[in-house]
Amino acid sequence: MYKNGVISKAKHDKLLMKESDIPEGFIDRDLRNSQYIAKKAREILEQMVKFVVPTTGSITDRLREDWQLIDVMQELNWDKYDKLGLTETYTDKDGREIHKIAGWTKRNDHRHHAMDALTIAFTTRSIIQYLNNLNARSDKSSSIYSIEKSCLYRDKHGKLRFNPPMPLEKLRKEAKSALESILVSTKAKNKVMTQNVNKSATKKNEKGYNQRIQLTPRGQLHNETIYGNIKRYTTKDVKVSANMTEELIMRVTKKRYRDALLLRLSAFGGDTKKAFTGRNSLDKNPIYVDEHQTECVPNKVKIVEYETIYPIRKAIDKDLKVEKVIDAGIRRILEERLNEYGGDASKAFSNLDENPIWLNKEAGISIKRVRITGISNATPLREKKDHKGDFILDDEGRRQPVDFVNTGNNHHVAIFRDENGELQEHLVSFYEATARKSLELPVIDKEYKQSEGWTFLFSMKQNEYFVFPNKETGFDPNVVDLLNPDNYEEISKNLYRVQKFSTKDYWFRHHLETMINDTKELKGQTWKRITSLSEIAHIIKVRVNHIGQIISVGEY
């Protein structure tokens, strides 16, 4: 392509670049985008104020150093990391004692943007002019020299420093105080569907394209893979108790246990409580299965039941997990093939055209694809129809669902208190939330199981904010006025956003953290993982607006 002039030499060299040579930082396109954004931001600001003076990162860096603001971000985080033993102290070449948080940079904290904004707020035109024209300061008659005389001073080492906007200690104190009270705002993922105007290119009206306003999902409804479904037998252990009904006894795998349990149940007129609990429990009154009373029914018996699984067809390759193959005979053949090659799947399951895996060698039938277990639960996309378009019904007159999909990400989890005072959850996928929205129902079903005595408490969606109690400091969000900005400093230390969640597994990230590393030592400080509903009983949901103010407490 390069020789024929289709691509340039630069494109040719980039396509053939080794992975080790690919730069990790910003690419040129990113820099151009940043330049365009800055230019556009200036245009917007100039509509509101007369003059907008741009500055650069190097100027801001110089001012932060001169005004002793460089270490403020580290000082704000010091206590948290020092308590965990993640700090270090060393002496530099000048004999100064340097304190450092191991593996930490200011970019780990969202507030470093606020620190830059604070520095820029005190940046004057004369400072920018001076730094942009340093070469002219040797001319005693120039304006640059006069700026140096009025805006700079020499420190104890004789180095020129810019005059701070206020005494240095006061500036550092005020900067730390302001930064400690900042609540970082993150937009929650609330939207499910939005109205879009769809245009039909084939059907036109008198005015042109045929238009229709339609609700459009704001995300992926389900994963791409389509699954089938099959039922298979599975066994599980069940304790002999008051739940051992006749229907359940009929599913006991061993006939002698089944007959003995039925006989005991019949003796008590079908009353399971009388037959299998109290003084007639198996510990106190065993059920013998032979006339010599040498064997009795155990406390737990195996029962058989149907299990619905959702399989998927997969090509045989080195990534195939043989234990997931559904057909036992094929699984055994694949295990034998794997053993032939010493367990090396890349050799055993490669080049199958020349070295086939035979299911029936005499008939010339080889195995290239297998059915494996997929997901444990799924949602059907449609229902089965015949060639006339009529629904096909099963033996009980019900429609038969087909083409199952994994509904992917969860949209929210609703927390309830049941009739016994225990917390319960109701996990809702984005697929289900979209279905409710299209039916003009509330996305969050606050009346879920209300007839059973459940009371709605709150919901959790990604990036929503919660204030946690802190036993170490005695902070209790239930007794603190969360709407009062004077309390933001304490609230900030205990404010977390929802990162992700699944069934009884909730992950929270501290609102100041930019990184999502699950460092074990920082668990409970920069991130939390809650695996018990009782642990979220005392957290308080708050809403933080786009300028970092708490505007509501509780469900909104």
Protein backbone atom coordinates (compact mmCIF):
# COMPACT_ATOMS: atom_id res chain seq x y z
CA MET A 1 0.00 0.00 0.00
CA TYR A 2 2.89 2.34 0.75
CA LYS A 3 4.64 1.49 -2.55
CA ASN A 4 1.41 2.14 -4.48
CA GLY A 5 0.87 5.47 -2.75
CA VAL A 6 -2.26 4.41 -0.85
CA ILE A 7 -0.80 5.28 2.57
CA SER A 8 1.91 7.72 3.62
CA LYS A 9 5.32 6.78 5.01
CA ALA A 10 4.25 7.96 8.48
CA LYS A 11 1.21 5.66 8.35
CA HIS A 12 3.41 2.81 7.07
CA ASP A 13 5.88 3.22 9.94
CA LYS A 14 3.12 3.39 12.58
CA LEU A 15 1.42 0.23 11.29
CA LEU A 16 4.70 -1.68 11.52
CA MET A 17 5.68 -0.24 14.90
CA LYS A 18 6.53 -2.78 17.61
CA GLU A 19 4.28 -2.91 20.64
CA SER A 20 7.21 -1.93 22.87
CA ASP A 21 7.72 1.24 20.80
CA ILE A 22 4.10 2.43 21.00
CA PRO A 23 4.01 5.51 23.31
CA GLU A 24 1.89 5.26 26.45
CA GLY A 25 1.16 8.99 26.80
CA PHE A 26 -1.03 11.34 24.80
CA ILE A 27 -1.04 10.83 21.04
CA ASP A 28 -1.06 13.82 18.68
CA ARG A 29 -4.81 13.59 18.16
CA ASP A 30 -5.40 13.84 21.93
CA LEU A 31 -3.25 16.96 22.10
CA ARG A 32 -5.12 18.56 19.18
CA ASN A 33 -8.44 17.74 20.86
CA SER A 34 -7.24 19.36 24.09
CA GLN A 35 -6.14 22.45 22.16
CA TYR A 36 -9.52 22.71 20.46
CA ILE A 37 -11.38 22.29 23.76
CA ALA A 38 -9.28 25.06 25.35
CA LYS A 39 -9.91 27.35 22.39
CA LYS A 40 -13.65 26.69 22.48
CA ALA A 41 -13.78 27.21 26.26
CA ARG A 42 -12.14 30.61 25.79
CA GLU A 43 -14.73 31.55 23.15
CA ILE A 44 -17.59 30.66 25.50
CA LEU A 45 -16.07 32.59 28.42
CA GLU A 46 -15.53 35.68 26.25
CA GLN A 47 -19.28 35.87 25.79
CA MET A 48 -19.61 36.63 29.53
CA VAL A 49 -16.47 38.66 30.38
CA LYS A 50 -14.51 41.23 28.41
CA PHE A 51 -11.04 39.68 28.67
CA VAL A 52 -9.98 36.06 29.00
CA VAL A 53 -6.25 35.54 29.43
CA PRO A 54 -4.98 31.99 28.77
CA THR A 55 -2.16 30.53 30.82
CA THR A 56 -0.12 27.33 30.57
CA GLY A 57 0.65 24.38 32.79
CA SER A 58 4.29 25.44 33.17
CA ILE A 59 3.22 28.84 34.60
CA THR A 60 0.83 27.15 37.06
CA ASP A 61 3.58 24.72 38.11
CA ARG A 62 5.98 27.62 38.77
CA LEU A 63 3.44 29.50 40.89
CA ARG A 64 2.52 26.40 42.94
CA GLU A 65 6.21 25.96 43.73
CA ASP A 66 6.81 29.62 44.59
CA TRP A 67 3.69 29.76 46.80
CA GLN A 68 4.53 26.45 48.54
CA LEU A 69 1.34 24.72 47.37
CA ILE A 70 3.03 21.68 45.82
CA ASP A 71 2.75 19.42 48.91
CA VAL A 72 -0.72 20.53 50.02
CA MET A 73 -2.48 17.62 48.26
CA GLN A 74 -0.13 15.10 49.85
CA GLU A 75 -0.60 16.69 53.29
CA LEU A 76 -4.38 16.38 52.94
CA ASN A 77 -4.02 12.62 52.33
CA TRP A 78 -1.14 12.01 54.73
CA ASP A 79 -3.05 10.87 57.84
CA LYS A 80 -5.09 8.31 55.90
CA TYR A 81 -2.02 6.64 54.37
CA ASP A 82 0.26 7.08 57.40
CA LYS A 83 -2.22 5.18 59.60
CA LEU A 84 -1.97 2.26 57.16
CA GLY A 85 1.84 2.34 57.12
CA LEU A 86 2.00 3.43 53.47
CA THR A 87 4.26 6.47 54.01
CA GLU A 88 8.03 6.83 53.98
CA THR A 89 10.58 9.43 55.09
CA TYR A 90 14.06 9.99 53.62
CA THR A 91 16.80 12.65 53.55
CA ASP A 92 17.65 14.37 50.25
CA LYS A 93 21.10 15.50 49.08
CA ASP A 94 20.67 18.86 50.83
CA GLY A 95 20.01 17.17 54.17
CA ARG A 96 16.28 17.96 54.18
CA GLU A 97 13.85 15.39 55.58
CA ILE A 98 11.34 14.46 52.85
CA HIS A 99 7.98 12.85 53.64
CA LYS A 100 6.34 10.83 50.88
CA ILE A 101 3.27 8.62 50.36
CA ALA A 102 4.44 5.43 48.63
CA GLY A 103 3.15 5.09 45.07
CA TRP A 104 0.88 8.14 45.33
CA THR A 105 0.60 11.17 43.04
CA LYS A 106 -1.62 14.24 43.21
CA ARG A 107 -3.60 12.83 40.27
CA ASN A 108 -4.98 10.12 42.59
CA ASP A 109 -7.16 12.85 44.13
CA HIS A 110 -9.81 14.69 42.11
CA ARG A 111 -9.08 17.86 44.09
CA HIS A 112 -5.83 18.49 42.22
CA HIS A 113 -7.99 20.22 39.60
CA ALA A 114 -9.29 22.56 42.31
CA MET A 115 -5.70 23.29 43.37
CA ASP A 116 -4.86 24.27 39.78
CA ALA A 117 -7.98 26.46 39.64
CA LEU A 118 -6.99 28.15 42.91
CA THR A 119 -3.51 28.92 41.54
CA ILE A 120 -4.93 30.23 38.25
CA ALA A 121 -7.36 32.46 40.17
CA PHE A 122 -4.38 34.33 41.67
CA THR A 123 -2.46 34.46 38.37
CA THR A 124 -2.17 38.00 37.02
CA ARG A 125 -1.40 39.32 33.57
CA SER A 126 1.92 40.69 34.75
CA ILE A 127 2.99 37.19 35.91
CA ILE A 128 2.15 35.70 32.50
CA GLN A 129 3.86 38.58 30.71
CA TYR A 130 6.99 38.22 32.82
CA LEU A 131 7.34 34.45 32.30
CA ASN A 132 6.68 34.73 28.58
CA ASN A 133 9.39 37.39 28.16
CA LEU A 134 12.12 36.39 30.60
CA ASN A 135 14.86 37.19 28.07
CA ALA A 136 13.92 40.89 28.18
CA ARG A 137 14.47 41.35 31.93
CA SER A 138 18.17 42.19 31.41
CA ASP A 139 17.00 45.47 29.86
CA LYS A 140 16.64 47.80 32.88
CA SER A 141 14.32 50.08 30.93
CA SER A 142 11.87 47.32 29.94
CA SER A 143 8.47 46.68 31.54
CA ILE A 144 9.61 43.12 32.34
CA TYR A 145 12.30 44.45 34.67
CA SER A 146 9.77 46.64 36.42
CA ILE A 147 7.46 43.62 36.89
CA GLU A 148 10.38 41.74 38.48
CA LYS A 149 11.01 44.56 40.91
CA SER A 150 7.35 44.80 41.96
CA CYS A 151 6.09 41.19 41.78
CA LEU A 152 9.07 39.03 42.75
CA TYR A 153 11.44 38.64 45.70
CA ARG A 154 14.51 36.55 46.46
CA ASP A 155 14.25 33.73 49.01
CA LYS A 156 16.96 32.77 51.50
CA HIS A 157 18.77 30.84 48.75
CA GLY A 158 18.76 33.88 46.47
CA LYS A 159 16.21 32.41 44.06
CA LEU A 160 13.56 34.67 42.52
CA ARG A 161 10.04 33.85 43.73
CA PHE A 162 6.68 35.42 42.89
CA ASN A 163 5.06 37.37 45.71
CA PRO A 164 2.20 35.32 47.18
CA PRO A 165 -1.30 36.87 47.14
CA MET A 166 -1.26 36.67 50.99
CA PRO A 167 1.28 35.49 53.60
CA LEU A 168 2.44 31.98 52.68
CA GLU A 169 1.27 30.30 55.88
CA LYS A 170 -2.15 31.88 55.57
CA LEU A 171 -2.36 30.93 51.88
CA ARG A 172 -1.53 27.29 52.64
CA LYS A 173 -3.98 27.20 55.56
CA GLU A 174 -6.83 28.72 53.51
CA ALA A 175 -6.08 26.43 50.54
CA LYS A 176 -6.18 23.31 52.74
CA SER A 177 -9.38 24.45 54.45
CA ALA A 178 -11.10 25.04 51.10
CA LEU A 179 -9.92 21.75 49.61
CA GLU A 180 -11.00 19.71 52.66
CA SER A 181 -14.60 20.89 52.21
CA ILE A 182 -14.85 19.98 48.52
CA LEU A 183 -17.37 17.32 47.49
CA VAL A 184 -16.60 15.96 44.03
CA SER A 185 -19.68 15.64 41.84
CA THR A 186 -20.12 12.64 39.52
CA LYS A 187 -23.10 12.32 37.21
CA ALA A 188 -25.27 9.35 38.15
CA LYS A 189 -26.49 7.03 35.41
CA ASN A 190 -30.20 7.76 35.77
CA LYS A 191 -31.45 7.86 32.19
CA VAL A 192 -33.02 4.69 30.84
CA MET A 193 -34.73 5.85 27.64
CA THR A 194 -34.92 9.17 25.80
CA GLN A 195 -37.18 10.47 23.05
CA ASN A 196 -35.62 10.44 19.60
CA VAL A 197 -37.04 11.45 16.22
CA ASN A 198 -36.74 8.50 13.83
CA LYS A 199 -36.85 9.25 10.12
CA SER A 200 -37.92 6.68 7.54
CA ALA A 201 -36.03 6.91 4.24
CA THR A 202 -38.45 4.60 2.42
CA LYS A 203 -41.78 6.06 3.56
CA LYS A 204 -42.09 9.75 2.76
CA ASN A 205 -44.95 12.13 3.39
CA GLU A 206 -45.71 15.43 1.70
CA LYS A 207 -43.15 17.26 3.85
CA GLY A 208 -40.35 14.80 3.10
CA TYR A 209 -39.24 12.02 5.40
CA ASN A 210 -41.78 10.24 7.54
CA GLN A 211 -40.94 11.11 11.16
CA ARG A 212 -41.90 9.39 14.38
CA ILE A 213 -40.99 10.20 17.98
CA GLN A 214 -39.85 7.02 19.70
CA LEU A 215 -38.29 6.05 23.03
CA THR A 216 -34.72 4.83 22.57
CA PRO A 217 -32.74 2.88 25.22
CA ARG A 218 -29.65 4.68 26.54
CA GLY A 219 -27.49 1.58 26.71
CA GLN A 220 -27.01 -2.04 25.70
CA LEU A 221 -30.11 -4.11 26.50
CA HIS A 222 -28.32 -7.47 26.48
CA ASN A 223 -25.09 -9.17 25.45
CA GLU A 224 -24.67 -10.35 21.87
CA THR A 225 -24.62 -14.11 22.51
CA ILE A 226 -27.88 -16.00 21.91
CA TYR A 227 -28.44 -19.09 24.09
CA GLY A 228 -30.78 -22.06 23.86
CA ASN A 229 -32.21 -23.79 26.90
CA ILE A 230 -32.37 -27.38 28.05
CA LYS A 231 -33.50 -29.17 31.20
CA ARG A 232 -31.40 -31.78 32.90
CA TYR A 233 -31.55 -33.78 36.10
CA THR A 234 -29.58 -32.63 39.10
CA THR A 235 -29.47 -33.77 42.73
CA LYS A 236 -29.19 -31.90 45.99
CA ASP A 237 -29.26 -32.72 49.69
CA VAL A 238 -32.41 -31.84 51.64
CA LYS A 239 -32.82 -32.08 55.41
CA VAL A 240 -35.75 -34.22 56.63
CA SER A 241 -37.93 -31.65 58.41
CA ALA A 242 -41.39 -30.12 58.38
CA ASN A 243 -40.79 -29.19 54.71
CA MET A 244 -40.67 -32.85 53.69
CA THR A 245 -44.04 -33.00 51.89
CA GLU A 246 -45.30 -35.99 49.92
CA GLU A 247 -44.37 -34.25 46.67
CA LEU A 248 -40.81 -33.75 47.90
CA ILE A 249 -40.54 -37.33 49.21
CA MET A 250 -41.49 -38.66 45.76
CA ARG A 251 -38.29 -37.01 44.43
CA VAL A 252 -35.98 -38.82 46.90
CA THR A 253 -33.43 -40.77 44.83
CA LYS A 254 -33.24 -44.00 46.90
CA LYS A 255 -36.43 -46.07 46.82
CA ARG A 256 -36.02 -47.57 50.32
CA TYR A 257 -35.66 -44.10 51.86
CA ARG A 258 -38.63 -42.88 49.82
CA ASP A 259 -40.88 -45.75 50.94
CA ALA A 260 -39.88 -45.38 54.61
CA LEU A 261 -40.55 -41.60 54.60
CA LEU A 262 -43.95 -42.09 52.92
CA LEU A 263 -44.87 -44.70 55.54
CA ARG A 264 -43.98 -42.34 58.42
CA LEU A 265 -45.92 -39.47 56.80
CA SER A 266 -48.97 -41.69 56.26
CA ALA A 267 -48.90 -42.78 59.93
CA PHE A 268 -49.46 -39.14 60.95
CA GLY A 269 -52.19 -38.38 58.43
CA GLY A 270 -49.92 -36.38 56.12
CA ASP A 271 -48.94 -33.84 58.84
CA THR A 272 -45.24 -33.19 58.13
CA LYS A 273 -44.72 -31.28 61.37
CA LYS A 274 -45.90 -34.19 63.50
CA ALA A 275 -44.13 -36.79 61.36
CA PHE A 276 -40.64 -35.26 61.18
CA THR A 277 -40.19 -32.70 64.01
CA GLY A 278 -40.18 -32.61 67.80
CA ARG A 279 -40.05 -36.04 69.38
CA ASN A 280 -40.49 -37.62 65.95
CA SER A 281 -37.40 -35.96 64.46
CA LEU A 282 -34.95 -38.46 63.00
CA ASP A 283 -32.47 -37.83 65.83
CA LYS A 284 -35.03 -38.85 68.49
CA ASN A 285 -37.17 -41.31 66.55
CA PRO A 286 -35.18 -42.86 63.65
CA ILE A 287 -36.89 -44.33 60.59
CA TYR A 288 -35.47 -47.80 59.89
CA VAL A 289 -35.47 -49.15 56.35
CA ASP A 290 -34.92 -52.86 57.13
CA GLU A 291 -36.60 -55.30 59.45
CA HIS A 292 -33.38 -55.92 61.40
CA GLN A 293 -33.11 -52.17 62.11
CA THR A 294 -29.48 -51.95 60.95
CA GLU A 295 -30.01 -49.02 58.55
CA CYS A 296 -32.08 -45.90 59.03
CA VAL A 297 -32.97 -42.85 56.93
CA PRO A 298 -30.20 -40.19 57.31
CA ASN A 299 -30.95 -36.63 58.43
CA LYS A 300 -30.27 -35.44 54.87
CA VAL A 301 -31.46 -37.26 51.76
CA LYS A 302 -30.73 -36.67 48.09
CA ILE A 303 -33.58 -35.52 45.89
CA VAL A 304 -33.68 -35.20 42.11
CA GLU A 305 -34.99 -32.13 40.32
CA TYR A 306 -34.95 -30.47 36.93
CA GLU A 307 -32.39 -27.75 36.31
CA THR A 308 -32.75 -25.33 33.39
CA ILE A 309 -29.43 -24.42 31.79
CA TYR A 310 -28.66 -22.16 28.86
CA PRO A 311 -26.03 -23.75 26.61
CA ILE A 312 -23.99 -22.24 23.79
CA ARG A 313 -22.14 -23.89 20.90
CA LYS A 314 -18.38 -23.34 20.88
CA ALA A 315 -15.62 -24.40 18.55
CA ILE A 316 -13.04 -26.79 20.01
CA ASP A 317 -9.83 -24.81 20.60
CA LYS A 318 -7.17 -24.26 23.26
CA ASP A 319 -9.53 -21.99 25.25
CA LEU A 320 -12.26 -24.63 25.61
CA LYS A 321 -13.06 -25.60 29.21
CA VAL A 322 -13.70 -29.34 28.86
CA GLU A 323 -15.52 -29.57 32.21
CA LYS A 324 -18.25 -27.31 30.81
CA VAL A 325 -19.11 -29.66 27.92
CA ILE A 326 -22.69 -30.87 28.46
CA ASP A 327 -22.61 -34.24 26.69
CA ALA A 328 -20.86 -36.72 29.01
CA GLY A 329 -19.71 -38.99 26.14
CA ILE A 330 -18.14 -36.13 24.17
CA ARG A 331 -16.61 -34.75 27.36
CA ARG A 332 -14.95 -38.12 27.99
CA ILE A 333 -13.54 -38.20 24.41
CA LEU A 334 -12.11 -34.69 24.82
CA GLU A 335 -10.54 -35.60 28.18
CA GLU A 336 -8.87 -38.66 26.58
CA ARG A 337 -7.54 -36.47 23.75
CA LEU A 338 -6.21 -33.98 26.27
CA ASN A 339 -4.47 -36.76 28.25
CA GLU A 340 -2.78 -37.98 25.04
CA TYR A 341 -1.00 -34.63 24.78
CA GLY A 342 -0.09 -34.36 28.45
CA GLY A 343 -2.82 -31.86 29.22
CA ASP A 344 -1.56 -29.33 26.64
CA ALA A 345 -4.79 -27.95 25.12
CA SER A 346 -2.95 -25.90 22.47
CA LYS A 347 -1.57 -29.14 20.98
CA ALA A 348 -4.55 -31.40 21.65
CA PHE A 349 -7.18 -29.09 20.13
CA SER A 350 -5.32 -27.60 17.17
CA ASN A 351 -5.18 -28.56 13.48
CA LEU A 352 -8.42 -30.58 13.72
CA ASP A 353 -8.74 -30.89 9.92
CA GLU A 354 -5.58 -33.02 9.67
CA ASN A 355 -5.82 -34.54 13.14
CA PRO A 356 -9.57 -34.87 13.84
CA ILE A 357 -11.23 -35.85 17.10
CA TRP A 358 -13.41 -38.81 16.13
CA LEU A 359 -16.89 -39.36 17.49
CA ASN A 360 -17.36 -42.34 15.10
CA LYS A 361 -14.27 -43.02 13.02
CA GLU A 362 -15.91 -45.80 10.94
CA ALA A 363 -18.72 -43.45 9.91
CA GLY A 364 -16.29 -40.54 9.43
CA ILE A 365 -17.96 -38.37 12.08
CA SER A 366 -15.58 -35.98 13.84
CA ILE A 367 -16.16 -33.38 16.57
CA LYS A 368 -15.41 -29.74 15.82
CA ARG A 369 -17.99 -27.89 17.91
CA VAL A 370 -19.57 -28.75 21.25
CA ARG A 371 -22.33 -27.47 23.49
CA ILE A 372 -21.14 -26.01 26.77
CA THR A 373 -22.99 -24.58 29.76
CA GLY A 374 -23.42 -20.84 29.43
CA ILE A 375 -25.18 -18.68 32.00
CA SER A 376 -27.30 -19.63 35.00
CA ASN A 377 -30.23 -17.33 34.20
CA ALA A 378 -31.41 -15.60 31.06
CA THR A 379 -34.27 -13.67 29.49
CA PRO A 380 -36.09 -14.86 26.33
CA LEU A 381 -36.14 -12.51 23.36
CA ARG A 382 -39.25 -14.01 21.75
CA GLU A 383 -41.70 -16.91 21.81
CA LYS A 384 -41.77 -19.86 19.41
CA LYS A 385 -44.11 -19.66 16.39
CA ASP A 386 -45.04 -22.06 13.59
CA HIS A 387 -44.81 -21.40 9.83
CA LYS A 388 -48.17 -19.60 9.95
CA GLY A 389 -47.01 -17.19 12.62
CA ASP A 390 -49.12 -18.73 15.39
CA PHE A 391 -47.64 -19.30 18.84
CA ILE A 392 -46.64 -22.90 19.61
CA LEU A 393 -47.99 -24.00 22.98
CA ASP A 394 -46.60 -26.63 25.34
CA ASP A 395 -48.61 -29.46 26.95
CA GLU A 396 -49.98 -27.06 29.57
CA GLY A 397 -51.12 -24.49 27.01
CA ARG A 398 -48.29 -22.02 27.65
CA ARG A 399 -46.21 -20.22 25.02
CA GLN A 400 -42.66 -21.50 24.62
CA PRO A 401 -39.89 -18.90 25.03
CA VAL A 402 -36.84 -19.15 22.72
CA ASP A 403 -33.57 -17.31 21.98
CA PHE A 404 -32.33 -16.50 25.46
CA VAL A 405 -29.90 -13.67 26.22
CA ASN A 406 -27.83 -12.45 29.15
CA THR A 407 -29.34 -9.10 30.14
CA GLY A 408 -25.89 -7.75 31.02
CA ASN A 409 -25.43 -4.85 33.41
CA ASN A 410 -27.74 -4.16 36.31
CA HIS A 411 -29.53 -0.80 36.31
CA HIS A 412 -30.27 -0.52 40.02
CA VAL A 413 -30.85 -2.44 43.22
CA ALA A 414 -33.77 -1.54 45.48
CA ILE A 415 -33.41 -2.13 49.22
CA PHE A 416 -36.48 -3.07 51.29
CA ARG A 417 -37.27 -3.99 54.88
CA ASP A 418 -39.44 -7.10 55.12
CA GLU A 419 -42.19 -7.94 57.59
CA ASN A 420 -39.59 -9.36 60.02
CA GLY A 421 -37.47 -6.20 59.99
CA GLU A 422 -34.72 -7.77 57.83
CA LEU A 423 -33.22 -6.00 54.81
CA GLN A 424 -33.98 -7.50 51.39
CA GLU A 425 -32.81 -6.57 47.89
CA HIS A 426 -34.46 -6.47 44.47
CA LEU A 427 -31.91 -6.42 41.66
CA VAL A 428 -33.16 -4.92 38.37
CA SER A 429 -31.32 -5.27 35.05
CA PHE A 430 -31.17 -2.50 32.45
CA TYR A 431 -33.32 -4.74 30.25
CA GLU A 432 -36.09 -4.88 32.88
CA ALA A 433 -35.79 -1.15 33.63
CA THR A 434 -36.24 -0.38 29.93
CA ALA A 435 -39.30 -2.64 29.74
CA ARG A 436 -40.90 -0.81 32.70
CA LYS A 437 -40.15 2.57 31.15
CA SER A 438 -41.68 1.57 27.81
CA LEU A 439 -44.84 0.48 29.67
CA GLU A 440 -44.92 3.90 31.40
CA LEU A 441 -44.30 2.30 34.80
CA PRO A 442 -41.90 3.74 37.40
CA VAL A 443 -38.39 2.44 36.74
CA ILE A 444 -37.94 1.81 40.48
CA ASP A 445 -40.79 -0.34 41.75
CA LYS A 446 -41.25 1.02 45.27
CA GLU A 447 -44.34 -1.17 45.80
CA TYR A 448 -42.46 -4.43 45.15
CA LYS A 449 -43.85 -7.15 47.50
CA GLN A 450 -45.76 -4.50 49.42
CA SER A 451 -48.58 -7.00 49.93
CA GLU A 452 -46.10 -9.24 51.79
CA GLY A 453 -45.16 -6.46 54.21
CA TRP A 454 -42.06 -5.14 52.43
CA THR A 455 -41.25 -1.42 52.86
CA PHE A 456 -39.09 0.45 50.34
CA LEU A 457 -36.01 2.15 51.84
CA PHE A 458 -33.76 3.36 49.00
CA SER A 459 -32.27 2.39 45.65
CA MET A 460 -28.69 2.28 44.45
CA LYS A 461 -27.48 3.12 40.94
CA GLN A 462 -23.98 3.52 39.59
CA ASN A 463 -22.33 6.80 40.73
CA GLU A 464 -24.98 7.64 43.31
CA TYR A 465 -23.61 8.94 46.63
CA PHE A 466 -23.88 7.48 50.13
CA VAL A 467 -22.56 8.74 53.47
CA PHE A 468 -21.17 5.97 55.70
CA PRO A 469 -20.94 5.98 59.49
CA ASN A 470 -17.42 5.85 60.94
CA LYS A 471 -16.93 3.98 64.21
CA GLU A 472 -13.31 5.12 64.59
CA THR A 473 -14.12 8.84 64.54
CA GLY A 474 -17.65 8.55 65.93
CA PHE A 475 -19.17 10.11 62.81
CA ASP A 476 -22.89 9.28 62.48
CA PRO A 477 -24.67 10.60 59.36
CA ASN A 478 -28.03 10.15 61.07
CA VAL A 479 -27.29 12.91 63.61
CA VAL A 480 -25.28 15.27 61.37
CA ASP A 481 -26.97 17.97 59.28
CA LEU A 482 -25.84 16.76 55.85
CA LEU A 483 -27.25 19.84 54.10
CA ASN A 484 -25.07 22.26 56.10
CA PRO A 485 -21.88 23.21 54.17
CA ASP A 486 -20.09 23.71 57.50
CA ASN A 487 -20.15 19.90 57.89
CA TYR A 488 -18.71 19.15 54.42
CA GLU A 489 -15.20 18.54 55.78
CA GLU A 490 -16.39 15.61 57.94
CA ILE A 491 -18.88 14.43 55.32
CA SER A 492 -16.15 14.37 52.65
CA LYS A 493 -14.13 11.82 54.64
CA ASN A 494 -17.09 9.40 54.67
CA LEU A 495 -18.71 10.06 51.28
CA TYR A 496 -18.62 7.22 48.74
CA ARG A 497 -20.11 6.67 45.30
CA VAL A 498 -21.54 3.38 44.02
CA GLN A 499 -19.00 1.81 41.66
CA LYS A 500 -20.71 -1.49 40.78
CA PHE A 501 -23.03 -4.07 42.31
CA SER A 502 -24.46 -7.54 41.91
CA THR A 503 -26.46 -9.85 44.19
CA LYS A 504 -25.51 -8.93 47.78
CA ASP A 505 -22.16 -7.61 46.55
CA TYR A 506 -21.83 -3.83 46.52
CA TRP A 507 -18.65 -1.89 45.66
CA PHE A 508 -18.16 1.72 46.73
CA ARG A 509 -15.35 4.13 45.81
CA HIS A 510 -14.40 7.23 47.86
CA HIS A 511 -15.60 10.31 46.00
CA LEU A 512 -12.11 11.89 45.89
CA GLU A 513 -10.41 8.86 44.33
CA THR A 514 -9.56 8.88 40.63
CA MET A 515 -8.08 5.36 40.55
CA ILE A 516 -10.11 2.14 40.77
CA ASN A 517 -7.35 -0.11 42.08
CA ASP A 518 -8.61 -2.52 44.72
CA THR A 519 -5.49 -2.29 46.88
CA LYS A 520 -5.96 -4.61 49.84
CA GLU A 521 -4.30 -2.21 52.32
CA LEU A 522 -6.69 0.62 51.35
CA LYS A 523 -9.92 -1.35 51.77
CA GLY A 524 -12.25 0.63 54.00
CA GLN A 525 -10.44 3.88 53.18
CA THR A 526 -10.43 4.50 49.43
CA TRP A 527 -12.91 1.71 48.61
CA LYS A 528 -15.44 -0.54 50.31
CA ARG A 529 -16.93 -3.89 49.41
CA ILE A 530 -20.17 -4.80 51.19
CA THR A 531 -21.34 -8.43 51.03
CA SER A 532 -23.99 -8.33 53.74
CA LEU A 533 -27.21 -6.35 53.67
CA SER A 534 -26.88 -5.60 57.39
CA GLU A 535 -23.75 -3.53 56.62
CA ILE A 536 -25.74 -0.99 54.59
CA ALA A 537 -28.50 -0.57 57.17
CA HIS A 538 -27.14 2.77 58.45
CA ILE A 539 -25.78 4.43 55.30
CA ILE A 540 -27.54 7.60 54.07
CA LYS A 541 -28.21 8.40 50.42
CA VAL A 542 -27.49 11.99 49.34
CA ARG A 543 -27.69 13.89 46.09
CA VAL A 544 -24.70 16.06 45.12
CA ASN A 545 -25.33 18.64 42.39
CA HIS A 546 -22.95 19.69 39.62
CA ILE A 547 -21.14 22.24 41.82
CA GLY A 548 -20.54 19.89 44.74
CA GLN A 549 -23.42 20.82 47.04
CA ILE A 550 -25.64 18.29 48.84
CA ILE A 551 -29.15 19.29 47.78
CA SER A 552 -31.20 16.38 49.13
CA VAL A 553 -30.93 13.59 51.70
CA GLY A 554 -32.59 10.21 51.23
CA GLU A 555 -34.28 8.76 48.15
CA TYR A 556 -34.91 11.27 45.36
